[in-house]
Amino acid sequence: MLTIVKSTYFDSHRWQVIATDSLDMDSFLELDCRYIVVGDTKHTPPEIEISPAIMTSDPGGLIFLMHCVHPPYFLPKDQVIAQAIPIPTKLLVDNTYPDVYWVEVVGEDKPIIGCGIH
């Protein structure tokens, strides 16, 4: 889980750059992986939206974008605001490394583009 490093006041809908710190840095440093950073469904207030990000190093000190849907709103220092989901980089699955691929299905009426993560 990622917490904000200083209290933040949202007085408009504008996106703001926010610095975070990890609550459990030791577990992040043990893994050789990338991370998908998204809002935390349990701790991120419903008034806050976070821009998803992918990072390749440890998430401590990460800076990302967030904004308030219904300002004004105040977030205190050390508020849990996001989660970093590890994606192993050297784990073989069916003799390939994890990756994302576009799939395009062309139907009778129109083309449909879908994306699936396994």
N, C-alpha and C. Protein backbone atom coordinates (compact mmCIF):
# COMPACT_ATOMS: atom_id res chain seq x y z
N MET A 1 0.84 -1.17 0.00
CA MET A 1 0.00 0.00 0.00
C MET A 1 0.89 1.24 0.00
N LEU A 2 0.40 2.27 -0.65
CA LEU A 2 1.14 3.53 -0.76
C LEU A 2 0.41 4.63 -0.01
N THR A 3 1.15 5.42 0.75
CA THR A 3 0.58 6.54 1.51
C THR A 3 1.12 7.85 0.96
N ILE A 4 0.35 8.94 1.17
CA ILE A 4 0.85 10.25 0.73
C ILE A 4 1.82 10.79 1.78
N VAL A 5 2.84 11.52 1.33
CA VAL A 5 3.89 11.98 2.24
C VAL A 5 3.59 13.32 2.89
N LYS A 6 2.62 14.07 2.37
CA LYS A 6 2.22 15.32 3.03
C LYS A 6 0.72 15.54 2.85
N SER A 7 0.14 16.25 3.78
CA SER A 7 -1.30 16.56 3.70
C SER A 7 -1.59 17.33 2.42
N THR A 8 -2.74 17.05 1.83
CA THR A 8 -3.10 17.69 0.56
C THR A 8 -4.53 18.19 0.62
N TYR A 9 -4.73 19.42 0.15
CA TYR A 9 -6.06 20.01 0.08
C TYR A 9 -6.43 20.18 -1.39
N PHE A 10 -7.56 19.63 -1.78
CA PHE A 10 -8.07 19.75 -3.15
C PHE A 10 -9.15 20.82 -3.15
N ASP A 11 -8.91 21.92 -3.85
CA ASP A 11 -9.90 22.98 -3.91
C ASP A 11 -10.52 23.12 -5.31
N SER A 12 -10.12 22.24 -6.23
CA SER A 12 -10.67 22.26 -7.58
C SER A 12 -10.61 20.85 -8.17
N HIS A 13 -11.07 20.72 -9.42
CA HIS A 13 -11.05 19.43 -10.11
C HIS A 13 -9.71 19.15 -10.78
N ARG A 14 -8.77 20.10 -10.72
CA ARG A 14 -7.48 19.95 -11.41
C ARG A 14 -6.70 18.74 -10.87
N TRP A 15 -5.94 18.10 -11.77
CA TRP A 15 -5.07 17.00 -11.39
C TRP A 15 -3.88 17.58 -10.64
N GLN A 16 -3.46 16.90 -9.58
CA GLN A 16 -2.31 17.33 -8.79
C GLN A 16 -1.27 16.22 -8.74
N VAL A 17 -0.01 16.61 -8.67
CA VAL A 17 1.09 15.66 -8.51
C VAL A 17 1.25 15.38 -7.02
N ILE A 18 1.22 14.09 -6.66
CA ILE A 18 1.28 13.68 -5.27
C ILE A 18 2.45 12.71 -5.07
N ALA A 19 3.23 12.92 -4.02
CA ALA A 19 4.33 12.01 -3.69
C ALA A 19 3.84 10.97 -2.68
N THR A 20 4.33 9.74 -2.82
CA THR A 20 3.90 8.66 -1.93
C THR A 20 5.10 7.95 -1.32
N ASP A 21 4.80 7.13 -0.32
CA ASP A 21 5.79 6.29 0.32
C ASP A 21 5.14 4.93 0.56
N SER A 22 5.93 3.88 0.57
CA SER A 22 5.39 2.53 0.74
C SER A 22 5.34 2.17 2.22
N LEU A 23 4.26 1.49 2.63
CA LEU A 23 4.15 1.01 4.00
C LEU A 23 5.01 -0.21 4.24
N ASP A 24 5.31 -0.98 3.19
CA ASP A 24 6.02 -2.25 3.33
C ASP A 24 7.15 -2.33 2.29
N MET A 25 8.16 -1.46 2.42
CA MET A 25 9.22 -1.37 1.43
C MET A 25 10.06 -2.64 1.33
N ASP A 26 10.27 -3.36 2.44
CA ASP A 26 11.11 -4.57 2.40
C ASP A 26 10.57 -5.61 1.44
N SER A 27 9.25 -5.81 1.41
CA SER A 27 8.68 -6.81 0.50
C SER A 27 8.83 -6.37 -0.95
N PHE A 28 8.80 -5.06 -1.24
CA PHE A 28 8.97 -4.59 -2.61
C PHE A 28 10.39 -4.82 -3.10
N LEU A 29 11.37 -4.62 -2.23
CA LEU A 29 12.76 -4.74 -2.64
C LEU A 29 13.16 -6.19 -2.91
N GLU A 30 12.44 -7.16 -2.34
CA GLU A 30 12.76 -8.57 -2.55
C GLU A 30 12.31 -9.06 -3.92
N LEU A 31 11.35 -8.41 -4.53
CA LEU A 31 10.78 -8.88 -5.79
C LEU A 31 11.49 -8.27 -6.99
N ASP A 32 11.68 -9.08 -8.05
CA ASP A 32 12.21 -8.58 -9.31
C ASP A 32 11.02 -8.45 -10.25
N CYS A 33 10.38 -7.28 -10.26
CA CYS A 33 9.16 -7.13 -11.04
C CYS A 33 8.86 -5.68 -11.35
N ARG A 34 7.84 -5.51 -12.18
CA ARG A 34 7.26 -4.19 -12.43
C ARG A 34 6.02 -4.08 -11.55
N TYR A 35 5.46 -2.87 -11.46
CA TYR A 35 4.29 -2.67 -10.62
C TYR A 35 3.23 -1.88 -11.37
N ILE A 36 1.98 -2.27 -11.18
CA ILE A 36 0.85 -1.47 -11.64
C ILE A 36 0.33 -0.74 -10.41
N VAL A 37 0.30 0.57 -10.48
CA VAL A 37 -0.16 1.38 -9.35
C VAL A 37 -1.56 1.90 -9.66
N VAL A 38 -2.52 1.55 -8.80
CA VAL A 38 -3.92 1.95 -8.97
C VAL A 38 -4.47 2.36 -7.62
N GLY A 39 -5.65 2.94 -7.62
CA GLY A 39 -6.31 3.28 -6.37
C GLY A 39 -6.58 2.04 -5.54
N ASP A 40 -6.62 2.19 -4.24
CA ASP A 40 -6.90 1.08 -3.33
C ASP A 40 -8.39 1.06 -3.03
N THR A 41 -9.05 -0.02 -3.37
CA THR A 41 -10.51 -0.08 -3.23
C THR A 41 -10.98 0.03 -1.79
N LYS A 42 -10.14 -0.32 -0.85
CA LYS A 42 -10.52 -0.25 0.56
C LYS A 42 -10.21 1.12 1.18
N HIS A 43 -9.09 1.75 0.76
CA HIS A 43 -8.63 2.94 1.45
C HIS A 43 -8.75 4.25 0.67
N THR A 44 -8.77 4.21 -0.66
CA THR A 44 -8.87 5.45 -1.42
C THR A 44 -10.28 6.03 -1.26
N PRO A 45 -10.40 7.26 -0.79
CA PRO A 45 -11.74 7.86 -0.63
C PRO A 45 -12.46 7.92 -1.98
N PRO A 46 -13.78 7.77 -1.98
CA PRO A 46 -14.53 7.80 -3.26
C PRO A 46 -14.46 9.16 -3.96
N GLU A 47 -14.09 10.21 -3.25
CA GLU A 47 -13.96 11.54 -3.85
C GLU A 47 -12.67 11.69 -4.67
N ILE A 48 -11.75 10.75 -4.54
CA ILE A 48 -10.43 10.86 -5.17
C ILE A 48 -10.31 9.87 -6.32
N GLU A 49 -9.77 10.34 -7.45
CA GLU A 49 -9.44 9.47 -8.58
C GLU A 49 -7.94 9.52 -8.80
N ILE A 50 -7.37 8.36 -9.07
CA ILE A 50 -5.93 8.24 -9.26
C ILE A 50 -5.65 7.80 -10.69
N SER A 51 -4.68 8.43 -11.32
CA SER A 51 -4.28 8.04 -12.67
C SER A 51 -3.42 6.78 -12.55
N PRO A 52 -3.85 5.65 -13.15
CA PRO A 52 -3.05 4.42 -13.06
C PRO A 52 -1.67 4.62 -13.69
N ALA A 53 -0.70 3.89 -13.17
CA ALA A 53 0.68 4.00 -13.66
C ALA A 53 1.36 2.64 -13.62
N ILE A 54 2.35 2.46 -14.48
CA ILE A 54 3.20 1.28 -14.46
C ILE A 54 4.60 1.76 -14.16
N MET A 55 5.26 1.11 -13.20
CA MET A 55 6.61 1.50 -12.86
C MET A 55 7.53 0.30 -12.84
N THR A 56 8.81 0.53 -13.05
CA THR A 56 9.76 -0.56 -13.16
C THR A 56 10.69 -0.66 -11.96
N SER A 57 10.68 0.32 -11.06
CA SER A 57 11.52 0.25 -9.87
C SER A 57 10.64 0.15 -8.64
N ASP A 58 11.26 0.20 -7.45
CA ASP A 58 10.45 0.10 -6.24
C ASP A 58 9.54 1.32 -6.11
N PRO A 59 8.33 1.14 -5.55
CA PRO A 59 7.34 2.22 -5.53
C PRO A 59 7.56 3.29 -4.47
N GLY A 60 8.54 3.14 -3.60
CA GLY A 60 8.81 4.18 -2.62
C GLY A 60 9.24 5.46 -3.31
N GLY A 61 8.69 6.57 -2.92
CA GLY A 61 9.03 7.83 -3.55
C GLY A 61 8.34 8.06 -4.88
N LEU A 62 7.38 7.25 -5.21
CA LEU A 62 6.65 7.39 -6.46
C LEU A 62 5.84 8.69 -6.45
N ILE A 63 5.83 9.35 -7.59
CA ILE A 63 5.01 10.55 -7.76
C ILE A 63 3.99 10.25 -8.84
N PHE A 64 2.71 10.47 -8.58
CA PHE A 64 1.68 10.22 -9.58
C PHE A 64 0.58 11.27 -9.49
N LEU A 65 -0.38 11.18 -10.40
CA LEU A 65 -1.45 12.17 -10.49
C LEU A 65 -2.73 11.69 -9.83
N MET A 66 -3.40 12.63 -9.15
CA MET A 66 -4.73 12.36 -8.61
C MET A 66 -5.53 13.66 -8.62
N HIS A 67 -6.84 13.51 -8.58
CA HIS A 67 -7.69 14.70 -8.48
C HIS A 67 -8.94 14.36 -7.68
N CYS A 68 -9.64 15.41 -7.28
CA CYS A 68 -10.84 15.27 -6.48
C CYS A 68 -12.07 15.44 -7.37
N VAL A 69 -13.00 14.52 -7.26
CA VAL A 69 -14.22 14.56 -8.06
C VAL A 69 -15.18 15.63 -7.53
N HIS A 70 -15.25 15.77 -6.21
CA HIS A 70 -16.16 16.73 -5.59
C HIS A 70 -15.40 17.59 -4.58
N PRO A 71 -14.64 18.61 -5.05
CA PRO A 71 -13.91 19.47 -4.12
C PRO A 71 -14.86 20.35 -3.32
N PRO A 72 -14.45 20.89 -2.22
CA PRO A 72 -13.15 20.77 -1.59
C PRO A 72 -13.04 19.46 -0.81
N TYR A 73 -11.78 19.01 -0.65
CA TYR A 73 -11.52 17.76 0.05
C TYR A 73 -10.10 17.79 0.62
N PHE A 74 -9.93 17.23 1.82
CA PHE A 74 -8.63 17.23 2.49
C PHE A 74 -8.18 15.80 2.73
N LEU A 75 -6.92 15.51 2.39
CA LEU A 75 -6.30 14.21 2.69
C LEU A 75 -5.17 14.43 3.69
N PRO A 76 -5.20 13.75 4.83
CA PRO A 76 -4.13 13.92 5.81
C PRO A 76 -2.86 13.16 5.41
N LYS A 77 -1.74 13.60 5.94
CA LYS A 77 -0.47 12.91 5.72
C LYS A 77 -0.61 11.44 6.16
N ASP A 78 0.05 10.54 5.45
CA ASP A 78 0.06 9.10 5.72
C ASP A 78 -1.26 8.40 5.39
N GLN A 79 -2.17 9.08 4.69
CA GLN A 79 -3.40 8.44 4.22
C GLN A 79 -3.03 7.39 3.17
N VAL A 80 -3.52 6.15 3.34
CA VAL A 80 -3.32 5.13 2.31
C VAL A 80 -4.15 5.54 1.11
N ILE A 81 -3.51 5.63 -0.06
CA ILE A 81 -4.19 6.20 -1.22
C ILE A 81 -4.13 5.29 -2.44
N ALA A 82 -3.17 4.38 -2.51
CA ALA A 82 -3.02 3.56 -3.70
C ALA A 82 -2.40 2.22 -3.32
N GLN A 83 -2.40 1.32 -4.29
CA GLN A 83 -1.75 0.03 -4.11
C GLN A 83 -0.85 -0.25 -5.31
N ALA A 84 0.25 -0.92 -5.05
CA ALA A 84 1.18 -1.30 -6.10
C ALA A 84 1.09 -2.82 -6.26
N ILE A 85 0.62 -3.26 -7.41
CA ILE A 85 0.44 -4.68 -7.68
C ILE A 85 1.66 -5.19 -8.44
N PRO A 86 2.42 -6.14 -7.86
CA PRO A 86 3.61 -6.62 -8.55
C PRO A 86 3.28 -7.50 -9.76
N ILE A 87 4.08 -7.32 -10.82
CA ILE A 87 3.98 -8.14 -12.02
C ILE A 87 5.36 -8.77 -12.21
N PRO A 88 5.52 -10.06 -11.93
CA PRO A 88 6.84 -10.69 -12.07
C PRO A 88 7.36 -10.55 -13.50
N THR A 89 8.66 -10.25 -13.63
CA THR A 89 9.25 -10.07 -14.96
C THR A 89 9.94 -11.33 -15.47
N LYS A 90 10.25 -12.26 -14.58
CA LYS A 90 10.98 -13.45 -15.01
C LYS A 90 10.25 -14.74 -14.71
N LEU A 91 8.94 -14.70 -14.73
CA LEU A 91 8.12 -15.88 -14.49
C LEU A 91 7.62 -16.40 -15.82
N LEU A 92 7.98 -17.62 -16.15
CA LEU A 92 7.52 -18.20 -17.41
C LEU A 92 6.11 -18.74 -17.28
N VAL A 93 5.28 -18.43 -18.24
CA VAL A 93 3.93 -18.96 -18.33
C VAL A 93 3.78 -19.51 -19.74
N ASP A 94 3.60 -20.80 -19.88
CA ASP A 94 3.51 -21.44 -21.20
C ASP A 94 4.71 -21.08 -22.07
N ASN A 95 5.91 -21.13 -21.48
CA ASN A 95 7.17 -20.84 -22.16
C ASN A 95 7.29 -19.41 -22.67
N THR A 96 6.51 -18.48 -22.14
CA THR A 96 6.64 -17.06 -22.49
C THR A 96 6.59 -16.23 -21.21
N TYR A 97 7.07 -15.02 -21.29
CA TYR A 97 7.00 -14.11 -20.16
C TYR A 97 5.66 -13.38 -20.19
N PRO A 98 5.14 -12.96 -19.02
CA PRO A 98 3.86 -12.24 -19.00
C PRO A 98 3.93 -10.99 -19.87
N ASP A 99 2.86 -10.73 -20.59
CA ASP A 99 2.81 -9.56 -21.45
C ASP A 99 1.35 -9.26 -21.76
N VAL A 100 1.10 -8.14 -22.41
CA VAL A 100 -0.25 -7.75 -22.81
C VAL A 100 -0.28 -7.66 -24.32
N TYR A 101 -1.30 -8.24 -24.95
CA TYR A 101 -1.45 -8.24 -26.40
C TYR A 101 -2.84 -7.76 -26.77
N TRP A 102 -2.95 -7.00 -27.86
CA TRP A 102 -4.26 -6.60 -28.38
C TRP A 102 -4.85 -7.76 -29.15
N VAL A 103 -6.15 -7.91 -29.04
CA VAL A 103 -6.88 -8.92 -29.80
C VAL A 103 -7.99 -8.20 -30.53
N GLU A 104 -8.12 -8.45 -31.80
CA GLU A 104 -9.18 -7.80 -32.58
C GLU A 104 -10.10 -8.87 -33.15
N VAL A 105 -11.38 -8.78 -32.80
CA VAL A 105 -12.39 -9.71 -33.30
C VAL A 105 -13.25 -8.93 -34.28
N VAL A 106 -13.34 -9.41 -35.48
CA VAL A 106 -14.16 -8.75 -36.49
C VAL A 106 -15.47 -9.51 -36.59
N GLY A 107 -16.57 -8.85 -36.20
CA GLY A 107 -17.88 -9.48 -36.26
C GLY A 107 -18.57 -9.16 -37.57
N GLU A 108 -19.80 -9.64 -37.71
CA GLU A 108 -20.56 -9.41 -38.93
C GLU A 108 -20.95 -7.93 -39.07
N ASP A 109 -21.25 -7.27 -37.94
CA ASP A 109 -21.74 -5.90 -38.00
C ASP A 109 -20.64 -4.85 -37.93
N LYS A 110 -19.62 -5.08 -37.09
CA LYS A 110 -18.57 -4.08 -36.92
C LYS A 110 -17.36 -4.73 -36.27
N PRO A 111 -16.21 -4.11 -36.42
CA PRO A 111 -15.02 -4.63 -35.70
C PRO A 111 -15.15 -4.38 -34.21
N ILE A 112 -14.68 -5.31 -33.42
CA ILE A 112 -14.67 -5.18 -31.97
C ILE A 112 -13.25 -5.39 -31.50
N ILE A 113 -12.75 -4.49 -30.67
CA ILE A 113 -11.41 -4.63 -30.13
C ILE A 113 -11.53 -4.94 -28.65
N GLY A 114 -10.89 -6.02 -28.22
CA GLY A 114 -10.94 -6.41 -26.81
C GLY A 114 -9.54 -6.64 -26.29
N CYS A 115 -9.40 -6.54 -24.99
CA CYS A 115 -8.10 -6.77 -24.35
C CYS A 115 -8.36 -7.62 -23.12
N GLY A 116 -7.62 -8.70 -22.98
CA GLY A 116 -7.77 -9.57 -21.82
C GLY A 116 -6.44 -9.76 -21.13
N ILE A 117 -6.44 -9.84 -19.80
CA ILE A 117 -5.24 -10.09 -19.02
C ILE A 117 -5.40 -11.43 -18.33
N HIS A 118 -4.44 -12.30 -18.52
CA HIS A 118 -4.49 -13.63 -17.91
C HIS A 118 -3.34 -13.78 -16.94
